[in-house]
C-alpha atoms as a PDB file:
ATOM      1  CA  UNK A   1     -58.586  18.796-155.444  1.00  0.00           C
ATOM      2  CA  UNK A   2     -57.342  22.172-154.139  1.00  0.00           C
ATOM      3  CA  UNK A   3     -59.280  21.857-150.886  1.00  0.00           C
ATOM      4  CA  UNK A   4     -58.034  18.274-150.499  1.00  0.00           C
ATOM      5  CA  UNK A   5     -54.400  19.425-150.658  1.00  0.00           C
ATOM      6  CA  UNK A   6     -54.972  22.180-148.113  1.00  0.00           C
ATOM      7  CA  UNK A   7     -56.707  19.694-145.808  1.00  0.00           C
ATOM      8  CA  UNK A   8     -53.852  17.216-146.277  1.00  0.00           C
ATOM      9  CA  UNK A   9     -51.297  19.884-145.310  1.00  0.00           C
ATOM     10  CA  UNK A  10     -53.421  20.998-142.332  1.00  0.00           C
ATOM     11  CA  UNK A  11     -53.879  17.445-141.043  1.00  0.00           C
ATOM     12  CA  UNK A  12     -50.221  16.475-141.399  1.00  0.00           C
ATOM     13  CA  UNK A  13     -48.871  19.616-139.744  1.00  0.00           C
ATOM     14  CA  UNK A  14     -51.450  19.517-136.963  1.00  0.00           C
ATOM     15  CA  UNK A  15     -50.598  15.904-136.184  1.00  0.00           C
ATOM     16  CA  UNK A  16     -46.833  16.396-136.319  1.00  0.00           C
ATOM     17  CA  UNK A  17     -46.401  19.844-134.763  1.00  0.00           C
ATOM     18  CA  UNK A  18     -49.568  20.685-132.756  1.00  0.00           C
ATOM     19  CA  UNK A  19     -49.569  24.302-133.963  1.00  0.00           C
ATOM     20  CA  UNK A  20     -51.167  27.138-132.024  1.00  0.00           C
ATOM     21  CA  UNK A  21     -51.739  28.848-135.352  1.00  0.00           C
ATOM     22  CA  UNK A  22     -51.691  27.526-138.899  1.00  0.00           C
ATOM     23  CA  UNK A  23     -52.444  29.461-142.071  1.00  0.00           C
ATOM     24  CA  UNK A  24     -52.187  27.776-145.472  1.00  0.00           C
ATOM     25  CA  UNK A  25     -52.345  29.863-148.626  1.00  0.00           C
ATOM     26  CA  UNK A  26     -52.766  28.222-152.016  1.00  0.00           C
ATOM     27  CA  UNK A  27     -50.820  30.149-154.656  1.00  0.00           C
ATOM     28  CA  UNK A  28     -51.174  27.457-157.315  1.00  0.00           C
ATOM     29  CA  UNK A  29     -53.228  29.646-159.664  1.00  0.00           C
ATOM     30  CA  UNK A  30     -50.340  32.111-159.922  1.00  0.00           C
ATOM     31  CA  UNK A  31     -48.114  29.280-161.173  1.00  0.00           C
ATOM     32  CA  UNK A  32     -50.555  27.602-163.560  1.00  0.00           C
ATOM     33  CA  UNK A  33     -48.931  26.288-166.689  1.00  0.00           C
ATOM     34  CA  UNK A  34     -45.455  25.819-165.241  1.00  0.00           C
ATOM     35  CA  UNK A  35     -44.318  22.585-166.839  1.00  0.00           C
ATOM     36  CA  UNK A  36     -41.995  21.777-163.946  1.00  0.00           C
ATOM     37  CA  UNK A  37     -44.874  21.785-161.449  1.00  0.00           C
ATOM     38  CA  UNK A  38     -46.186  18.473-162.797  1.00  0.00           C
ATOM     39  CA  UNK A  39     -49.636  19.226-161.409  1.00  0.00           C
ATOM     40  CA  UNK A  40     -48.439  19.816-157.857  1.00  0.00           C
ATOM     41  CA  UNK A  41     -49.627  22.846-155.916  1.00  0.00           C
ATOM     42  CA  UNK A  42     -47.733  25.893-154.678  1.00  0.00           C
ATOM     43  CA  UNK A  43     -48.431  26.733-151.037  1.00  0.00           C
ATOM     44  CA  UNK A  44     -47.410  29.173-148.325  1.00  0.00           C
ATOM     45  CA  UNK A  45     -47.502  27.822-144.769  1.00  0.00           C
ATOM     46  CA  UNK A  46     -47.458  30.176-141.790  1.00  0.00           C
ATOM     47  CA  UNK A  47     -47.179  28.055-138.670  1.00  0.00           C
ATOM     48  CA  UNK A  48     -46.705  28.852-134.992  1.00  0.00           C
ATOM     49  CA  UNK A  49     -45.708  25.956-132.742  1.00  0.00           C
ATOM     50  CA  UNK A  50     -43.842  25.211-129.520  1.00  0.00           C
ATOM     51  CA  UNK A  51     -42.067  22.491-131.532  1.00  0.00           C
ATOM     52  CA  UNK A  52     -39.867  25.228-133.043  1.00  0.00           C
ATOM     53  CA  UNK A  53     -38.466  26.334-129.681  1.00  0.00           C
ATOM     54  CA  UNK A  54     -34.639  26.301-129.690  1.00  0.00           C
ATOM     55  CA  UNK A  55     -34.577  25.198-133.351  1.00  0.00           C
ATOM     56  CA  UNK A  56     -32.697  26.919-136.169  1.00  0.00           C
ATOM     57  CA  UNK A  57     -34.541  28.039-139.284  1.00  0.00           C
ATOM     58  CA  UNK A  58     -33.278  24.994-141.158  1.00  0.00           C
ATOM     59  CA  UNK A  59     -34.399  22.643-138.366  1.00  0.00           C
ATOM     60  CA  UNK A  60     -37.860  24.254-138.342  1.00  0.00           C
ATOM     61  CA  UNK A  61     -38.217  23.849-142.089  1.00  0.00           C
ATOM     62  CA  UNK A  62     -37.018  20.241-141.836  1.00  0.00           C
ATOM     63  CA  UNK A  63     -39.798  19.494-139.313  1.00  0.00           C
ATOM     64  CA  UNK A  64     -42.382  20.855-141.744  1.00  0.00           C
ATOM     65  CA  UNK A  65     -40.884  19.024-144.737  1.00  0.00           C
ATOM     66  CA  UNK A  66     -40.701  15.779-142.746  1.00  0.00           C
ATOM     67  CA  UNK A  67     -44.422  16.032-141.962  1.00  0.00           C
ATOM     68  CA  UNK A  68     -45.238  16.558-145.660  1.00  0.00           C
ATOM     69  CA  UNK A  69     -42.547  14.388-147.241  1.00  0.00           C
ATOM     70  CA  UNK A  70     -44.735  11.768-148.891  1.00  0.00           C
ATOM     71  CA  UNK A  71     -47.147  14.377-150.299  1.00  0.00           C
ATOM     72  CA  UNK A  72     -44.216  16.198-151.852  1.00  0.00           C
ATOM     73  CA  UNK A  73     -42.803  12.960-153.205  1.00  0.00           C
ATOM     74  CA  UNK A  74     -46.195  12.137-154.787  1.00  0.00           C
ATOM     75  CA  UNK A  75     -46.189  15.653-156.285  1.00  0.00           C
ATOM     76  CA  UNK A  76     -49.285  16.805-154.397  1.00  0.00           C
ATOM     77  CA  UNK A  77     -47.082  19.715-153.312  1.00  0.00           C
ATOM     78  CA  UNK A  78     -44.633  21.144-155.812  1.00  0.00           C
ATOM     79  CA  UNK A  79     -43.493  24.264-153.953  1.00  0.00           C
ATOM     80  CA  UNK A  80     -43.713  25.264-150.321  1.00  0.00           C
ATOM     81  CA  UNK A  81     -42.859  28.570-148.682  1.00  0.00           C
ATOM     82  CA  UNK A  82     -42.602  28.312-144.896  1.00  0.00           C
ATOM     83  CA  UNK A  83     -42.804  30.874-142.111  1.00  0.00           C
ATOM     84  CA  UNK A  84     -42.254  28.904-138.882  1.00  0.00           C
ATOM     85  CA  UNK A  85     -42.363  30.739-135.547  1.00  0.00           C
ATOM     86  CA  UNK A  86     -42.615  30.001-131.850  1.00  0.00           C
ATOM     87  CA  UNK A  87     -45.554  31.501-129.948  1.00  0.00           C
ATOM     88  CA  UNK A  88     -43.203  34.069-128.355  1.00  0.00           C
ATOM     89  CA  UNK A  89     -41.883  35.132-131.759  1.00  0.00           C
ATOM     90  CA  UNK A  90     -45.401  35.429-133.147  1.00  0.00           C
ATOM     91  CA  UNK A  91     -46.562  37.459-130.166  1.00  0.00           C
ATOM     92  CA  UNK A  92     -49.075  34.782-129.114  1.00  0.00           C
END
């Protein structure tokens, strides 16, 4: 199940944002037993994409959330930490 969620996140973000770099870290084990999680995973996404050019931090996060919206609504993803950068900001 864990690998399926990571693959889901990778596929959705790749399709929506064509990232130059994408790192997904599953931190679900550190949050095991949290009743509020409802079985959803906790993930960190580090993504570098041209799609973030001229976007505010909130707009960048919205692009990521929009790509993952239905997975979050279905509780596949309970918590998401996002680091969204342009290639220039990431030094790529």
